């Protein structure tokens, strides 16, 4: 449909005219929904339903504009919060799992290591937060 140069020119004109496409409005609303609901709602269909769009179409839009699926966006927000809690709180890793609504601590640790490069406990050692152990 459009060549890359035509696409870039179109988006540049849109920005100059303060025009926000329907897709960008949808992505902004998705960002807001994830920010408010990521602890309780991890199911991507929830976000698609809130936006009155199918998950397939929503994923197509997020992949086109962000290079991520809705699942990846929700997961990124969860682990961003995990990093903040590990850095700024004295909550145990078990408490952080509970706070974030993660049911499987082993999965949480594996996924954290994959995304951050070290386990939650190793991360905490690096940032130097003292933890209070909760039984």
Protein backbone atom coordinates (compact mmCIF):
# COMPACT_ATOMS: atom_id res chain seq x y z
CA UNK A 1 0.00 0.00 0.00
CA UNK A 2 2.54 2.63 1.15
CA UNK A 3 6.28 2.64 0.65
CA UNK A 4 8.39 3.15 3.79
CA UNK A 5 9.22 6.73 2.80
CA UNK A 6 5.54 7.52 2.21
CA UNK A 7 4.65 5.99 5.59
CA UNK A 8 7.32 8.08 7.36
CA UNK A 9 6.13 11.22 5.60
CA UNK A 10 2.51 10.50 6.52
CA UNK A 11 3.37 10.01 10.20
CA UNK A 12 5.50 13.14 10.23
CA UNK A 13 2.54 15.16 8.86
CA UNK A 14 0.25 13.58 11.45
CA UNK A 15 2.60 14.60 14.25
CA UNK A 16 2.88 18.15 12.91
CA UNK A 17 -0.90 18.47 12.80
CA UNK A 18 -1.33 16.86 16.24
CA UNK A 19 -3.31 14.10 14.58
CA UNK A 20 -3.52 10.87 16.54
CA UNK A 21 -4.64 7.82 14.61
CA UNK A 22 -7.31 5.48 15.90
CA UNK A 23 -4.62 2.82 16.42
CA UNK A 24 -2.51 5.13 18.56
CA UNK A 25 -5.55 6.11 20.62
CA UNK A 26 -6.30 2.42 21.08
CA UNK A 27 -2.70 1.76 22.17
CA UNK A 28 -2.82 4.65 24.63
CA UNK A 29 -6.03 3.22 26.11
CA UNK A 30 -4.44 -0.25 26.26
CA UNK A 31 -1.45 1.20 28.11
CA UNK A 32 -3.81 2.81 30.63
CA UNK A 33 -5.76 -0.42 31.09
CA UNK A 34 -2.60 -2.44 31.65
CA UNK A 35 -1.25 0.11 34.12
CA UNK A 36 -4.41 -0.02 36.21
CA UNK A 37 -5.20 -3.74 35.92
CA UNK A 38 -1.98 -5.72 35.46
CA UNK A 39 -2.02 -7.17 38.97
CA UNK A 40 -5.54 -8.54 38.70
CA UNK A 41 -5.99 -9.21 35.00
CA UNK A 42 -3.32 -11.15 33.17
CA UNK A 43 -5.67 -12.63 30.58
CA UNK A 44 -5.21 -10.78 27.30
CA UNK A 45 -8.86 -11.32 26.38
CA UNK A 46 -9.79 -9.02 29.26
CA UNK A 47 -7.98 -6.11 27.60
CA UNK A 48 -9.39 -6.90 24.16
CA UNK A 49 -12.89 -7.03 25.64
CA UNK A 50 -12.43 -3.69 27.42
CA UNK A 51 -11.43 -2.16 24.09
CA UNK A 52 -14.29 -3.86 22.20
CA UNK A 53 -11.89 -5.50 19.79
CA UNK A 54 -10.86 -9.09 19.15
CA UNK A 55 -7.59 -10.26 20.64
CA UNK A 56 -6.37 -11.24 17.18
CA UNK A 57 -6.85 -7.71 15.85
CA UNK A 58 -5.45 -6.14 19.03
CA UNK A 59 -2.32 -8.30 18.77
CA UNK A 60 -1.94 -7.34 15.12
CA UNK A 61 -2.08 -3.65 16.10
CA UNK A 62 0.37 -4.02 19.01
CA UNK A 63 2.79 -6.08 16.89
CA UNK A 64 2.66 -3.53 14.09
CA UNK A 65 3.17 -0.51 16.35
CA UNK A 66 5.23 -1.89 19.24
CA UNK A 67 6.63 -5.20 18.08
CA UNK A 68 4.98 -6.89 21.09
CA UNK A 69 1.90 -8.96 21.74
CA UNK A 70 -0.59 -7.94 24.42
CA UNK A 71 0.72 -10.82 26.55
CA UNK A 72 4.26 -9.46 26.27
CA UNK A 73 3.08 -5.97 27.22
CA UNK A 74 1.29 -7.26 30.34
CA UNK A 75 4.27 -9.41 31.30
CA UNK A 76 6.65 -6.49 30.83
CA UNK A 77 4.54 -4.39 33.20
CA UNK A 78 4.45 -7.17 35.81
CA UNK A 79 8.21 -7.59 35.75
CA UNK A 80 8.82 -3.85 35.73
CA UNK A 81 6.83 -3.74 38.97
CA UNK A 82 8.77 -6.74 40.31
CA UNK A 83 12.05 -4.92 39.70
CA UNK A 84 10.70 -1.83 41.47
CA UNK A 85 9.49 -3.87 44.46
CA UNK A 86 12.77 -5.78 44.70
CA UNK A 87 14.71 -2.52 44.55
CA UNK A 88 12.55 -0.34 46.77
CA UNK A 89 10.82 -2.59 49.29
CA UNK A 90 11.80 -5.06 51.94
CA UNK A 91 9.06 -7.48 50.87
CA UNK A 92 10.15 -11.09 50.47
CA UNK A 93 10.11 -12.59 47.00
CA UNK A 94 7.16 -14.71 48.11
CA UNK A 95 5.28 -11.54 49.13
CA UNK A 96 6.14 -9.90 45.81
CA UNK A 97 4.72 -12.93 43.99
CA UNK A 98 1.51 -12.57 45.97
CA UNK A 99 1.39 -8.80 45.45
CA UNK A 100 1.69 -9.25 41.69
CA UNK A 101 -0.83 -12.07 41.56
CA UNK A 102 1.70 -14.64 40.41
CA UNK A 103 0.61 -18.14 41.40
CA UNK A 104 3.79 -20.02 40.53
CA UNK A 105 6.94 -18.70 42.27
CA UNK A 106 9.19 -21.02 40.23
CA UNK A 107 7.77 -19.65 36.97
CA UNK A 108 8.17 -16.11 38.29
CA UNK A 109 11.85 -16.71 39.07
CA UNK A 110 12.55 -18.38 35.71
CA UNK A 111 10.78 -15.63 33.77
CA UNK A 112 12.46 -12.90 35.84
CA UNK A 113 15.87 -14.42 35.13
CA UNK A 114 15.07 -14.65 31.42
CA UNK A 115 13.97 -10.99 31.24
CA UNK A 116 16.39 -9.36 33.69
CA UNK A 117 19.40 -11.65 33.44
CA UNK A 118 19.53 -12.84 37.04
CA UNK A 119 17.21 -14.39 39.60
CA UNK A 120 15.13 -12.16 41.90
CA UNK A 121 17.36 -13.02 44.88
CA UNK A 122 20.53 -12.27 42.87
CA UNK A 123 19.00 -8.99 41.70
CA UNK A 124 18.21 -8.03 45.27
CA UNK A 125 21.80 -8.78 46.35
CA UNK A 126 23.11 -6.54 43.58
CA UNK A 127 20.88 -3.61 44.55
CA UNK A 128 21.52 -4.20 48.26
CA UNK A 129 18.04 -4.24 49.75
CA UNK A 130 17.70 -5.90 53.12
CA UNK A 131 14.77 -8.27 53.24
CA UNK A 132 12.46 -9.21 56.03
CA UNK A 133 11.66 -12.90 55.84
CA UNK A 134 8.01 -13.74 56.06
CA UNK A 135 7.12 -17.33 56.78
